[in-house]
C-alpha atoms as a PDB file:
ATOM      1  CA  MET A   1     109.403 105.711  14.503  1.00  0.00           C
ATOM      2  CA  SER A   2     112.459 103.848  13.314  1.00  0.00           C
ATOM      3  CA  LYS A   3     115.859 105.426  13.066  1.00  0.00           C
ATOM      4  CA  GLU A   4     115.751 104.965   9.271  1.00  0.00           C
ATOM      5  CA  SER A   5     112.659 107.120   8.899  1.00  0.00           C
ATOM      6  CA  GLU A   6     114.196 109.850  11.063  1.00  0.00           C
ATOM      7  CA  ASP A   7     117.758 109.930   9.710  1.00  0.00           C
ATOM      8  CA  LEU A   8     118.441 110.376   5.982  1.00  0.00           C
ATOM      9  CA  GLY A   9     122.003 109.010   6.309  1.00  0.00           C
ATOM     10  CA  THR A  10     120.724 105.797   7.890  1.00  0.00           C
ATOM     11  CA  HIS A  11     118.087 105.480   5.185  1.00  0.00           C
ATOM     12  CA  VAL A  12     120.655 105.957   2.400  1.00  0.00           C
ATOM     13  CA  SER A  13     123.005 103.430   4.016  1.00  0.00           C
ATOM     14  CA  LEU A  14     120.248 100.817   4.367  1.00  0.00           C
ATOM     15  CA  CYS A  15     119.077 101.418   0.786  1.00  0.00           C
ATOM     16  CA  GLU A  16     122.638 100.918  -0.444  1.00  0.00           C
ATOM     17  CA  GLN A  17     122.822  97.583   1.385  1.00  0.00           C
ATOM     18  CA  ARG A  18     119.439  96.543   0.009  1.00  0.00           C
ATOM     19  CA  TYR A  19     120.433  97.395  -3.567  1.00  0.00           C
ATOM     20  CA  LYS A  20     123.720  95.544  -3.216  1.00  0.00           C
ATOM     21  CA  GLU A  21     121.815  92.454  -2.031  1.00  0.00           C
ATOM     22  CA  LEU A  22     119.363  92.823  -4.928  1.00  0.00           C
ATOM     23  CA  GLU A  23     122.286  93.092  -7.385  1.00  0.00           C
ATOM     24  CA  ARG A  24     123.881  89.993  -5.887  1.00  0.00           C
ATOM     25  CA  ARG A  25     120.639  88.051  -6.207  1.00  0.00           C
ATOM     26  CA  LEU A  26     120.069  89.235  -9.785  1.00  0.00           C
ATOM     27  CA  ASP A  27     123.613  88.211 -10.709  1.00  0.00           C
ATOM     28  CA  HIS A  28     122.904  84.773  -9.221  1.00  0.00           C
ATOM     29  CA  VAL A  29     119.663  84.490 -11.220  1.00  0.00           C
ATOM     30  CA  GLU A  30     121.455  85.544 -14.432  1.00  0.00           C
ATOM     31  CA  THR A  31     124.144  82.929 -13.826  1.00  0.00           C
ATOM     32  CA  ARG A  32     121.558  80.204 -13.277  1.00  0.00           C
ATOM     33  CA  LEU A  33     119.593  81.273 -16.360  1.00  0.00           C
ATOM     34  CA  SER A  34     122.748  81.158 -18.475  1.00  0.00           C
ATOM     35  CA  SER A  35     123.498  77.696 -17.151  1.00  0.00           C
ATOM     36  CA  LEU A  36     119.942  76.590 -17.860  1.00  0.00           C
ATOM     37  CA  ALA A  37     120.078  78.014 -21.391  1.00  0.00           C
ATOM     38  CA  SER A  38     123.300  76.100 -22.007  1.00  0.00           C
ATOM     39  CA  GLU A  39     121.744  72.869 -20.731  1.00  0.00           C
ATOM     40  CA  VAL A  40     118.671  73.369 -22.942  1.00  0.00           C
ATOM     41  CA  ALA A  41     120.905  73.955 -25.972  1.00  0.00           C
ATOM     42  CA  ASN A  42     122.835  70.760 -25.195  1.00  0.00           C
ATOM     43  CA  LEU A  43     119.580  68.840 -24.768  1.00  0.00           C
ATOM     44  CA  LYS A  44     118.334  70.185 -28.093  1.00  0.00           C
ATOM     45  CA  THR A  45     121.531  69.003 -29.793  1.00  0.00           C
ATOM     46  CA  GLN A  46     121.280  65.562 -28.185  1.00  0.00           C
ATOM     47  CA  MET A  47     117.629  65.235 -29.195  1.00  0.00           C
ATOM     48  CA  ALA A  48     118.442  66.210 -32.784  1.00  0.00           C
ATOM     49  CA  GLN A  49     121.188  63.558 -32.878  1.00  0.00           C
ATOM     50  CA  GLY A  50     118.832  60.988 -31.376  1.00  0.00           C
ATOM     51  CA  PHE A  51     116.131  61.717 -33.932  1.00  0.00           C
ATOM     52  CA  SER A  52     118.701  61.563 -36.710  1.00  0.00           C
ATOM     53  CA  GLU A  53     119.854  58.153 -35.505  1.00  0.00           C
ATOM     54  CA  LEU A  54     116.243  56.992 -35.191  1.00  0.00           C
ATOM     55  CA  ARG A  55     115.495  58.130 -38.737  1.00  0.00           C
ATOM     56  CA  LEU A  56     118.545  56.217 -39.979  1.00  0.00           C
ATOM     57  CA  VAL A  57     117.396  53.044 -38.182  1.00  0.00           C
ATOM     58  CA  ILE A  58     113.905  53.387 -39.684  1.00  0.00           C
ATOM     59  CA  GLU A  59     115.355  53.944 -43.163  1.00  0.00           C
ATOM     60  CA  ARG A  60     117.539  50.851 -42.787  1.00  0.00           C
ATOM     61  CA  GLN A  61     114.548  48.826 -41.617  1.00  0.00           C
ATOM     62  CA  ASN A  62     112.489  50.022 -44.575  1.00  0.00           C
ATOM     63  CA  SER A  63     115.346  49.075 -46.890  1.00  0.00           C
ATOM     64  CA  ARG A  64     115.470  45.597 -45.345  1.00  0.00           C
ATOM     65  CA  ASN A  65     111.706  45.231 -45.707  1.00  0.00           C
ATOM     66  CA  THR A  66     111.926  46.258 -49.362  1.00  0.00           C
ATOM     67  CA  THR A  67     114.707  43.723 -49.935  1.00  0.00           C
ATOM     68  CA  GLN A  68     112.642  41.012 -48.262  1.00  0.00           C
ATOM     69  CA  ILE A  69     109.592  41.875 -50.383  1.00  0.00           C
ATOM     70  CA  ILE A  70     111.650  41.790 -53.591  1.00  0.00           C
ATOM     71  CA  ALA A  71     113.226  38.457 -52.623  1.00  0.00           C
ATOM     72  CA  SER A  72     109.825  36.999 -51.757  1.00  0.00           C
ATOM     73  CA  ALA A  73     108.328  38.240 -55.030  1.00  0.00           C
ATOM     74  CA  GLY A  74     111.270  36.740 -56.931  1.00  0.00           C
ATOM     75  CA  THR A  75     110.719  33.412 -55.202  1.00  0.00           C
ATOM     76  CA  VAL A  76     107.027  33.462 -56.125  1.00  0.00           C
ATOM     77  CA  VAL A  77     107.828  34.335 -59.744  1.00  0.00           C
ATOM     78  CA  VAL A  78     110.406  31.525 -59.966  1.00  0.00           C
ATOM     79  CA  ALA A  79     107.889  29.088 -58.456  1.00  0.00           C
ATOM     80  CA  LEU A  80     105.169  30.169 -60.907  1.00  0.00           C
ATOM     81  CA  VAL A  81     107.534  29.865 -63.869  1.00  0.00           C
ATOM     82  CA  GLY A  82     108.521  26.409 -62.606  1.00  0.00           C
ATOM     83  CA  VAL A  83     104.882  25.336 -62.314  1.00  0.00           C
ATOM     84  CA  LEU A  84     104.136  26.804 -65.755  1.00  0.00           C
ATOM     85  CA  ILE A  85     107.051  24.948 -67.355  1.00  0.00           C
ATOM     86  CA  TYR A  86     106.091  21.741 -65.573  1.00  0.00           C
ATOM     87  CA  THR A  87     102.483  21.982 -66.772  1.00  0.00           C
ATOM     88  CA  LEU A  88     103.475  22.796 -70.368  1.00  0.00           C
ATOM     89  CA  LYS A  89     105.712  19.712 -70.687  1.00  0.00           C
END
């Protein structure tokens, strides 16, 4: 039999050391989890900003496409009016 199983004082002392080590490890885990939570929050913020910027780029591109379509349609209309006037003369 070990000394711990025979002597209550030794058992209590070893349990105290074990619990202190467990506390230390739990504190370390809590610290790492807090750090990880902070990093995830920062990543979430960066992703939201990135998506916002992407949405803005897409909106600008759509606006440019609309402008190009309107300009092209105007050119076609002007050409048709020109052909119509030419044929009526």
